[in-house]
N, C-alpha and C. Protein backbone atom coordinates (compact mmCIF):
# COMPACT_ATOMS: atom_id res chain seq x y z
N UNK A 1 -17.60 4.37 11.72
CA UNK A 1 -17.44 5.88 11.76
C UNK A 1 -16.68 5.73 10.49
N UNK A 2 -16.75 6.35 10.02
CA UNK A 2 -15.68 6.89 8.57
C UNK A 2 -14.34 7.97 8.96
N UNK A 3 -13.12 7.42 9.22
CA UNK A 3 -12.34 8.77 9.18
C UNK A 3 -12.45 9.97 7.97
N UNK A 4 -12.12 11.04 8.32
CA UNK A 4 -12.07 12.21 7.49
C UNK A 4 -10.92 12.73 7.23
N UNK A 5 -10.67 13.41 6.67
CA UNK A 5 -9.45 14.12 6.18
C UNK A 5 -8.79 13.52 5.22
N UNK A 6 -7.25 13.49 5.49
CA UNK A 6 -6.66 13.14 4.08
C UNK A 6 -6.58 11.27 3.90
N UNK A 7 -6.98 11.26 2.65
CA UNK A 7 -7.19 9.46 2.38
C UNK A 7 -6.39 8.84 1.24
N UNK A 8 -5.34 10.05 0.93
CA UNK A 8 -4.63 9.33 -0.03
C UNK A 8 -3.17 9.96 0.16
N UNK A 9 -2.30 9.32 -0.55
CA UNK A 9 -0.48 10.17 -0.59
C UNK A 9 -0.57 11.78 -1.35
N UNK A 10 -1.34 12.06 -2.77
CA UNK A 10 -1.63 12.54 -3.07
C UNK A 10 -2.11 14.11 -2.74
N UNK A 11 -3.25 13.69 -1.81
CA UNK A 11 -4.16 14.54 -0.69
C UNK A 11 -3.05 14.86 0.01
N UNK A 12 -1.89 14.13 0.75
CA UNK A 12 -1.57 14.39 1.64
C UNK A 12 -0.41 15.37 1.37
N UNK A 13 0.32 14.95 0.21
CA UNK A 13 0.98 15.28 -0.28
C UNK A 13 0.88 16.98 -0.46
N UNK A 14 0.01 17.09 -1.38
CA UNK A 14 -0.76 18.38 -1.24
C UNK A 14 -1.24 19.27 -0.12
N UNK A 15 -1.46 18.33 0.74
CA UNK A 15 -1.70 19.38 2.31
C UNK A 15 -0.50 19.96 2.79
N UNK A 16 0.31 19.01 2.50
CA UNK A 16 2.06 19.36 3.54
C UNK A 16 2.10 20.54 2.39
N UNK A 17 2.35 20.36 1.15
CA UNK A 17 3.35 21.55 0.33
C UNK A 17 2.35 22.73 0.52
N UNK A 18 1.24 22.41 0.26
CA UNK A 18 0.35 24.10 0.74
C UNK A 18 0.96 24.20 2.57
N UNK A 19 0.83 23.78 3.37
CA UNK A 19 1.50 24.57 4.77
C UNK A 19 2.44 24.83 4.47
N UNK A 20 3.28 24.28 4.18
CA UNK A 20 4.72 24.98 3.75
C UNK A 20 4.72 26.20 3.13
N UNK A 21 4.18 26.12 2.02
CA UNK A 21 3.75 27.43 0.33
C UNK A 21 3.30 28.75 1.24
N UNK A 22 2.19 27.99 2.51
CA UNK A 22 1.22 29.18 3.10
C UNK A 22 2.65 30.29 3.80
N UNK A 23 3.30 28.90 4.35
CA UNK A 23 4.43 30.12 5.29
C UNK A 23 5.66 30.44 4.47
N UNK A 24 6.24 30.55 3.34
CA UNK A 24 6.88 30.53 2.57
C UNK A 24 8.46 30.15 2.96
N UNK A 25 8.32 28.57 3.35
CA UNK A 25 8.87 27.94 3.82
C UNK A 25 10.18 27.20 3.10
N UNK A 26 9.30 27.28 1.52
CA UNK A 26 10.00 26.42 0.70
C UNK A 26 11.65 26.89 0.46
N UNK A 27 11.58 28.12 0.72
CA UNK A 27 12.82 28.76 0.38
C UNK A 27 13.97 28.48 1.30
N UNK A 28 13.64 27.75 2.77
CA UNK A 28 14.61 26.78 3.53
C UNK A 28 14.53 25.47 3.08
N UNK A 29 13.75 24.81 2.14
CA UNK A 29 13.93 23.32 2.05
C UNK A 29 15.14 23.22 0.81
N UNK A 30 16.20 23.23 0.85
CA UNK A 30 16.96 22.05 0.34
C UNK A 30 17.27 20.72 0.38
N UNK A 31 17.23 19.97 -0.28
CA UNK A 31 17.37 18.71 0.03
C UNK A 31 18.22 17.91 1.33
N UNK A 32 18.99 18.93 1.72
CA UNK A 32 20.03 18.64 2.37
C UNK A 32 19.28 18.89 4.09
N UNK A 33 18.55 19.83 3.88
CA UNK A 33 18.01 20.08 5.33
C UNK A 33 16.74 19.33 5.11
N UNK A 34 16.19 19.08 4.25
CA UNK A 34 15.07 18.19 4.13
C UNK A 34 15.57 16.80 4.62
N UNK A 35 16.34 16.43 4.14
CA UNK A 35 16.68 14.88 4.62
C UNK A 35 17.15 14.89 6.19
N UNK A 36 17.86 15.91 6.71
CA UNK A 36 18.25 16.40 8.21
C UNK A 36 17.22 16.16 8.66
N UNK A 37 15.93 16.89 8.57
CA UNK A 37 14.53 17.62 9.18
C UNK A 37 14.00 15.72 9.47
N UNK A 38 14.06 14.62 8.29
CA UNK A 38 13.96 13.53 8.24
C UNK A 38 14.13 12.65 9.33
N UNK A 39 15.98 12.78 9.58
CA UNK A 39 16.06 11.95 10.10
C UNK A 39 16.01 12.43 11.96
N UNK A 40 16.07 13.65 12.28
CA UNK A 40 16.07 14.47 13.24
C UNK A 40 14.34 14.04 13.65
N UNK A 41 13.41 13.90 12.93
CA UNK A 41 12.22 13.33 13.53
C UNK A 41 12.10 11.75 13.71
N UNK A 42 13.05 11.08 12.71
CA UNK A 42 12.92 9.62 12.64
C UNK A 42 14.03 9.10 14.10
N UNK A 43 14.65 10.04 15.13
CA UNK A 43 15.35 9.86 16.09
C UNK A 43 14.44 10.38 17.12
N UNK A 44 13.50 10.87 17.06
CA UNK A 44 12.24 11.02 18.06
C UNK A 44 11.56 10.30 18.15
N UNK A 45 11.30 9.21 17.09
CA UNK A 45 10.53 7.71 17.01
C UNK A 45 12.00 7.02 17.85
N UNK A 46 12.99 7.05 17.48
CA UNK A 46 13.83 5.86 18.59
C UNK A 46 13.38 6.26 19.99
N UNK A 47 13.50 7.73 20.30
CA UNK A 47 13.63 8.38 21.56
C UNK A 47 12.23 7.53 22.19
N UNK A 48 11.34 7.40 22.16
CA UNK A 48 10.11 6.54 22.58
C UNK A 48 10.38 5.24 23.20
N UNK A 49 11.36 4.53 22.83
CA UNK A 49 11.65 3.03 23.02
C UNK A 49 13.29 3.23 23.38
N UNK A 50 14.22 3.88 23.80
CA UNK A 50 15.60 3.84 24.19
C UNK A 50 15.50 3.20 25.37
N UNK A 51 16.73 2.35 26.13
CA UNK A 51 16.36 1.92 27.20
C UNK A 51 15.79 1.25 27.74
N UNK A 52 14.17 0.95 26.98
CA UNK A 52 13.28 -0.52 27.52
C UNK A 52 13.48 -1.70 27.08
N UNK A 53 12.96 -1.98 28.03
CA UNK A 53 12.94 -3.67 27.53
C UNK A 53 11.66 -3.97 26.68
N UNK A 54 11.80 -5.54 26.09
CA UNK A 54 10.80 -6.25 25.48
C UNK A 54 9.46 -5.25 26.27
N UNK A 55 9.30 -6.08 27.51
CA UNK A 55 8.53 -5.92 28.45
C UNK A 55 7.83 -4.33 28.12
N UNK A 56 8.76 -3.56 28.78
CA UNK A 56 8.08 -1.91 28.85
C UNK A 56 7.83 -1.60 27.52
N UNK A 57 8.74 -1.89 26.56
CA UNK A 57 8.11 -1.69 25.35
C UNK A 57 6.57 -1.83 25.35
N UNK A 58 6.77 -2.71 25.53
CA UNK A 58 4.89 -3.44 24.96
C UNK A 58 3.98 -2.49 26.16
N UNK A 59 4.18 -2.35 26.86
CA UNK A 59 3.38 -1.48 27.80
C UNK A 59 3.23 0.01 27.52
N UNK A 60 4.82 0.32 26.79
CA UNK A 60 4.52 1.64 26.87
C UNK A 60 3.54 2.03 25.46
N UNK A 61 3.54 1.21 24.39
CA UNK A 61 3.44 1.44 23.12
C UNK A 61 1.63 1.45 23.39
N UNK A 62 0.98 0.81 24.41
CA UNK A 62 -0.56 0.69 24.70
C UNK A 62 -0.70 2.21 25.14
N UNK A 63 -0.03 2.62 26.17
CA UNK A 63 -0.22 3.89 26.72
C UNK A 63 0.10 5.63 26.24
N UNK A 64 1.09 4.80 24.55
CA UNK A 64 1.65 6.03 24.30
C UNK A 64 1.59 6.37 22.58
N UNK A 65 0.71 5.48 22.12
CA UNK A 65 0.20 5.37 20.51
C UNK A 65 0.24 6.63 19.86
N UNK A 66 -0.68 7.36 20.91
CA UNK A 66 -0.77 8.77 20.02
C UNK A 66 0.48 9.50 19.81
N UNK A 67 1.29 9.21 20.49
CA UNK A 67 2.43 10.07 20.57
C UNK A 67 3.58 9.43 19.35
N UNK A 68 3.84 8.44 19.55
CA UNK A 68 4.64 7.56 18.44
C UNK A 68 4.34 7.78 17.07
N UNK A 69 2.43 7.83 17.21
CA UNK A 69 2.06 8.08 15.57
C UNK A 69 2.45 9.07 15.14
N UNK A 70 2.52 10.83 16.09
CA UNK A 70 2.67 11.98 15.82
C UNK A 70 4.02 12.09 15.27
N UNK A 71 5.07 11.55 16.20
CA UNK A 71 6.26 11.14 15.72
C UNK A 71 6.71 10.09 14.19
N UNK A 72 5.71 8.99 13.70
CA UNK A 72 5.55 8.53 12.64
C UNK A 72 5.56 9.63 11.52
N UNK A 73 3.99 10.12 11.96
CA UNK A 73 3.93 11.37 11.07
C UNK A 73 4.65 12.25 10.28
N UNK A 74 5.12 12.40 11.95
CA UNK A 74 6.51 13.91 11.18
C UNK A 74 7.52 13.21 10.19
N UNK A 75 7.87 11.96 10.12
CA UNK A 75 8.97 11.50 9.62
C UNK A 75 8.37 11.02 7.93
N UNK A 76 6.96 10.93 7.97
CA UNK A 76 6.64 10.90 6.83
C UNK A 76 5.90 11.88 6.12
N UNK A 77 5.94 12.94 7.10
CA UNK A 77 5.47 14.29 6.30
C UNK A 77 7.13 14.91 5.72
N UNK A 78 8.18 14.55 6.04
CA UNK A 78 9.68 14.63 5.45
C UNK A 78 9.79 14.11 4.59
N UNK A 79 9.06 12.58 4.26
CA UNK A 79 9.70 11.79 3.12
C UNK A 79 8.33 12.40 1.51
N UNK A 80 7.17 12.66 1.86
CA UNK A 80 6.29 13.12 1.49
C UNK A 80 6.67 14.62 0.72
N UNK A 81 6.73 15.68 1.62
CA UNK A 81 7.71 16.73 0.91
C UNK A 81 8.84 16.45 0.23
N UNK A 82 10.04 15.85 0.87
CA UNK A 82 11.11 15.60 0.06
C UNK A 82 11.08 14.60 -1.78
N UNK A 83 10.19 13.58 -1.15
CA UNK A 83 9.96 13.37 -2.69
C UNK A 83 9.18 13.70 -3.70
N UNK A 84 8.37 14.86 -3.03
CA UNK A 84 7.40 15.79 -3.77
C UNK A 84 8.32 16.90 -4.65
N UNK A 85 9.42 17.90 -3.84
CA UNK A 85 10.45 18.99 -3.79
C UNK A 85 11.58 17.83 -5.27
N UNK A 86 11.60 16.69 -5.24
CA UNK A 86 12.93 16.12 -5.93
C UNK A 86 12.02 15.54 -6.70
N UNK A 87 10.87 15.43 -7.10
CA UNK A 87 9.77 14.94 -8.70
C UNK A 87 10.54 13.83 -8.60
N UNK A 88 10.03 12.89 -7.13
CA UNK A 88 9.80 11.73 -7.10
C UNK A 88 8.70 11.17 -6.92
N UNK A 89 8.65 9.60 -7.56
CA UNK A 89 7.24 8.66 -7.42
C UNK A 89 7.28 8.53 -6.45
N UNK A 90 7.09 8.24 -5.25
CA UNK A 90 7.42 7.64 -3.97
C UNK A 90 6.59 5.87 -4.02
N UNK A 91 5.65 6.14 -4.58
CA UNK A 91 4.89 5.11 -4.59
C UNK A 91 5.41 3.85 -5.64
N UNK A 92 6.07 4.41 -7.11
CA UNK A 92 6.78 3.38 -7.42
C UNK A 92 8.42 2.97 -6.93
N UNK A 93 8.74 4.12 -6.42
CA UNK A 93 9.99 3.53 -5.80
C UNK A 93 9.64 2.41 -4.46
N UNK A 94 8.95 2.73 -3.84
CA UNK A 94 8.57 1.14 -2.87
C UNK A 94 8.42 0.12 -3.32
N UNK A 95 7.66 -0.05 -4.86
CA UNK A 95 7.78 -0.65 -5.79
C UNK A 95 8.72 -1.23 -6.36
N UNK A 96 9.46 -0.58 -6.54
CA UNK A 96 10.43 -0.64 -7.24
C UNK A 96 11.38 -1.71 -6.42
N UNK A 97 11.91 -1.17 -4.92
CA UNK A 97 12.35 -1.53 -3.60
C UNK A 97 11.96 -3.03 -3.25
N UNK A 98 10.78 -2.86 -3.49
CA UNK A 98 10.31 -4.39 -2.87
C UNK A 98 10.00 -5.05 -3.58
N UNK A 99 10.63 -5.19 -5.10
CA UNK A 99 10.91 -6.23 -6.38
C UNK A 99 12.20 -6.72 -5.96
N UNK A 100 13.12 -5.60 -5.74
CA UNK A 100 14.50 -5.55 -4.88
C UNK A 100 14.91 -6.32 -4.35
N UNK A 101 13.86 -6.08 -2.81
CA UNK A 101 14.10 -6.77 -1.82
C UNK A 101 13.36 -8.25 -1.59
N UNK A 102 12.22 -8.20 -2.82
CA UNK A 102 12.23 -10.08 -2.75
C UNK A 102 12.96 -10.60 -3.45
N UNK A 103 14.04 -10.29 -4.17
CA UNK A 103 14.99 -10.79 -5.14
C UNK A 103 16.26 -11.20 -3.52
N UNK A 104 16.47 -9.94 -3.36
CA UNK A 104 17.54 -10.08 -2.29
C UNK A 104 17.13 -11.23 -1.53
N UNK A 105 16.24 -11.23 -0.61
CA UNK A 105 15.27 -11.92 0.22
C UNK A 105 14.71 -13.15 0.08
N UNK A 106 15.13 -14.25 -0.95
CA UNK A 106 13.89 -15.13 -1.30
C UNK A 106 13.54 -15.85 -0.10
N UNK A 107 11.54 -16.01 -0.42
CA UNK A 107 11.26 -16.89 1.29
C UNK A 107 12.10 -17.96 0.97
N UNK A 108 12.46 -19.29 0.56
CA UNK A 108 13.18 -20.29 1.12
C UNK A 108 14.54 -19.60 1.55
N UNK A 109 15.45 -18.68 1.39
CA UNK A 109 16.25 -18.55 1.59
C UNK A 109 16.58 -17.43 3.11
N UNK A 110 15.19 -16.77 3.34
CA UNK A 110 14.95 -15.55 4.38
C UNK A 110 14.07 -16.07 5.00
N UNK A 111 13.27 -16.78 5.19
CA UNK A 111 12.27 -17.23 6.36
C UNK A 111 12.41 -17.38 7.85
N UNK A 112 12.05 -16.16 8.53
CA UNK A 112 12.09 -16.60 9.72
C UNK A 112 13.94 -16.24 10.15
N UNK A 113 14.47 -15.63 9.34
CA UNK A 113 15.68 -14.84 9.72
C UNK A 113 16.42 -14.02 9.51
N UNK A 114 17.13 -13.42 10.40
CA UNK A 114 17.42 -11.82 9.84
C UNK A 114 18.73 -11.61 9.17
N UNK A 115 19.29 -12.73 8.66
CA UNK A 115 20.17 -12.55 8.05
C UNK A 115 20.98 -11.59 6.99
N UNK A 116 21.63 -10.63 6.78
CA UNK A 116 21.71 -9.83 5.79
C UNK A 116 21.57 -10.17 4.25
N UNK A 117 21.15 -10.20 3.30
CA UNK A 117 21.29 -10.58 2.00
C UNK A 117 22.44 -11.46 1.85
N UNK A 118 23.41 -10.78 1.60
CA UNK A 118 25.08 -11.25 1.38
C UNK A 118 25.76 -12.53 2.15
N UNK A 119 24.76 -12.61 3.14
CA UNK A 119 25.12 -13.62 4.32
C UNK A 119 24.16 -14.86 3.78
N UNK A 120 23.07 -14.87 3.49
CA UNK A 120 22.28 -16.07 3.06
C UNK A 120 22.68 -17.08 2.30
């Protein structure tokens, strides 16, 4: 079964902007408040895992995947809206960051370690 709906970042961004603009909310969307909204939504993702052991988390994920996904979608919403409003090509920035991370965390030094790059 093929999934219907949004199929790429451009479509997602267009839909998000249309949703926002239909409600005349852009007037409230300065960079500070967009960033704050993104962080608040990220904290809602974290709430799903707070105070749970690894075993509890494993069980929780199986029964609450949709709720976790909705919170991740909220974070993604703000990332796409903010990158749109600031005219940032988010895919180009992900590519740039991946190249930087590959240099900071070469496989030979970082594989299997959680050490920060400056301590490798």
